[in-house]
């Protein structure tokens, strides 16, 4: 039985615990990055809308101005 167990591809409990901690930290970092990305996307949408409103309000000086801000 010991011979069969030694043939299994397993890790020690210590290594498992270390990898669990690494995964937890990675998830925290990913959550933070996702929040930051969402904030940046929201800010970009606000800026695009503001620019579009400014262009429409003040008129395009050059008729070739692209109003597609999607």
C-alpha atoms as a PDB file:
ATOM      1  CA  UNK A   1       0.000   0.000   0.000  1.00  0.00           C
ATOM      2  CA  UNK A   2       2.837   2.400   0.844  1.00  0.00           C
ATOM      3  CA  UNK A   3       4.337   1.768  -2.597  1.00  0.00           C
ATOM      4  CA  UNK A   4       1.063   2.719  -4.294  1.00  0.00           C
ATOM      5  CA  UNK A   5       0.743   5.862  -2.196  1.00  0.00           C
ATOM      6  CA  UNK A   6       4.260   6.956  -3.099  1.00  0.00           C
ATOM      7  CA  UNK A   7       3.368   6.691  -6.792  1.00  0.00           C
ATOM      8  CA  UNK A   8       0.543   9.237  -6.454  1.00  0.00           C
ATOM      9  CA  UNK A   9       1.160  12.783  -7.609  1.00  0.00           C
ATOM     10  CA  UNK A  10       0.374  14.612  -4.366  1.00  0.00           C
ATOM     11  CA  UNK A  11       1.710  17.612  -2.481  1.00  0.00           C
ATOM     12  CA  UNK A  12       2.398  17.999   1.199  1.00  0.00           C
ATOM     13  CA  UNK A  13      -0.100  19.689   3.462  1.00  0.00           C
ATOM     14  CA  UNK A  14       2.371  22.527   3.912  1.00  0.00           C
ATOM     15  CA  UNK A  15       2.636  23.106   0.153  1.00  0.00           C
ATOM     16  CA  UNK A  16      -1.149  22.881  -0.159  1.00  0.00           C
ATOM     17  CA  UNK A  17      -1.580  25.529   2.549  1.00  0.00           C
ATOM     18  CA  UNK A  18       0.985  27.794   0.883  1.00  0.00           C
ATOM     19  CA  UNK A  19      -0.755  27.494  -2.473  1.00  0.00           C
ATOM     20  CA  UNK A  20      -4.123  28.164  -0.824  1.00  0.00           C
ATOM     21  CA  UNK A  21      -2.715  31.411   0.603  1.00  0.00           C
ATOM     22  CA  UNK A  22      -1.253  32.365  -2.772  1.00  0.00           C
ATOM     23  CA  UNK A  23      -4.622  31.764  -4.406  1.00  0.00           C
ATOM     24  CA  UNK A  24      -6.410  33.875  -1.789  1.00  0.00           C
ATOM     25  CA  UNK A  25      -4.009  36.797  -2.343  1.00  0.00           C
ATOM     26  CA  UNK A  26      -4.371  36.437  -6.097  1.00  0.00           C
ATOM     27  CA  UNK A  27      -8.159  36.552  -5.819  1.00  0.00           C
ATOM     28  CA  UNK A  28      -7.933  39.709  -3.693  1.00  0.00           C
ATOM     29  CA  UNK A  29      -5.683  41.361  -6.267  1.00  0.00           C
ATOM     30  CA  UNK A  30      -8.004  40.313  -9.081  1.00  0.00           C
ATOM     31  CA  UNK A  31     -11.014  41.754  -7.247  1.00  0.00           C
ATOM     32  CA  UNK A  32      -9.178  45.051  -6.778  1.00  0.00           C
ATOM     33  CA  UNK A  33      -8.145  45.146 -10.437  1.00  0.00           C
ATOM     34  CA  UNK A  34     -11.727  44.469 -11.532  1.00  0.00           C
ATOM     35  CA  UNK A  35     -13.013  47.307  -9.329  1.00  0.00           C
ATOM     36  CA  UNK A  36     -10.382  49.679 -10.697  1.00  0.00           C
ATOM     37  CA  UNK A  37     -11.178  48.667 -14.264  1.00  0.00           C
ATOM     38  CA  UNK A  38     -14.880  49.282 -13.678  1.00  0.00           C
ATOM     39  CA  UNK A  39     -14.103  52.738 -12.268  1.00  0.00           C
ATOM     40  CA  UNK A  40     -11.922  53.554 -15.274  1.00  0.00           C
ATOM     41  CA  UNK A  41     -14.599  52.355 -17.693  1.00  0.00           C
ATOM     42  CA  UNK A  42     -17.219  54.463 -15.937  1.00  0.00           C
ATOM     43  CA  UNK A  43     -14.944  57.509 -16.036  1.00  0.00           C
ATOM     44  CA  UNK A  44     -14.320  56.931 -19.736  1.00  0.00           C
ATOM     45  CA  UNK A  45     -18.034  56.743 -20.440  1.00  0.00           C
ATOM     46  CA  UNK A  46     -18.588  59.992 -18.542  1.00  0.00           C
ATOM     47  CA  UNK A  47     -15.791  61.726 -20.459  1.00  0.00           C
ATOM     48  CA  UNK A  48     -17.082  60.483 -23.803  1.00  0.00           C
ATOM     49  CA  UNK A  49     -20.578  61.704 -23.005  1.00  0.00           C
ATOM     50  CA  UNK A  50     -19.257  65.062 -21.821  1.00  0.00           C
ATOM     51  CA  UNK A  51     -17.196  65.493 -24.977  1.00  0.00           C
ATOM     52  CA  UNK A  52     -20.161  64.592 -27.143  1.00  0.00           C
ATOM     53  CA  UNK A  53     -22.360  67.108 -25.307  1.00  0.00           C
ATOM     54  CA  UNK A  54     -19.723  69.828 -25.668  1.00  0.00           C
ATOM     55  CA  UNK A  55     -19.366  69.187 -29.384  1.00  0.00           C
ATOM     56  CA  UNK A  56     -23.108  69.175 -29.898  1.00  0.00           C
ATOM     57  CA  UNK A  57     -23.642  72.266 -27.711  1.00  0.00           C
ATOM     58  CA  UNK A  58     -20.931  74.373 -29.305  1.00  0.00           C
ATOM     59  CA  UNK A  59     -21.178  72.960 -32.773  1.00  0.00           C
ATOM     60  CA  UNK A  60     -18.473  71.289 -34.718  1.00  0.00           C
ATOM     61  CA  UNK A  61     -16.009  73.818 -36.094  1.00  0.00           C
ATOM     62  CA  UNK A  62     -14.983  71.334 -38.716  1.00  0.00           C
ATOM     63  CA  UNK A  63     -17.761  69.287 -40.292  1.00  0.00           C
ATOM     64  CA  UNK A  64     -15.421  66.296 -40.370  1.00  0.00           C
ATOM     65  CA  UNK A  65     -15.431  65.991 -36.573  1.00  0.00           C
ATOM     66  CA  UNK A  66     -16.363  62.455 -35.645  1.00  0.00           C
ATOM     67  CA  UNK A  67     -19.256  62.448 -33.157  1.00  0.00           C
ATOM     68  CA  UNK A  68     -19.201  58.680 -32.758  1.00  0.00           C
ATOM     69  CA  UNK A  69     -17.954  58.266 -29.198  1.00  0.00           C
ATOM     70  CA  UNK A  70     -19.173  54.785 -28.496  1.00  0.00           C
END
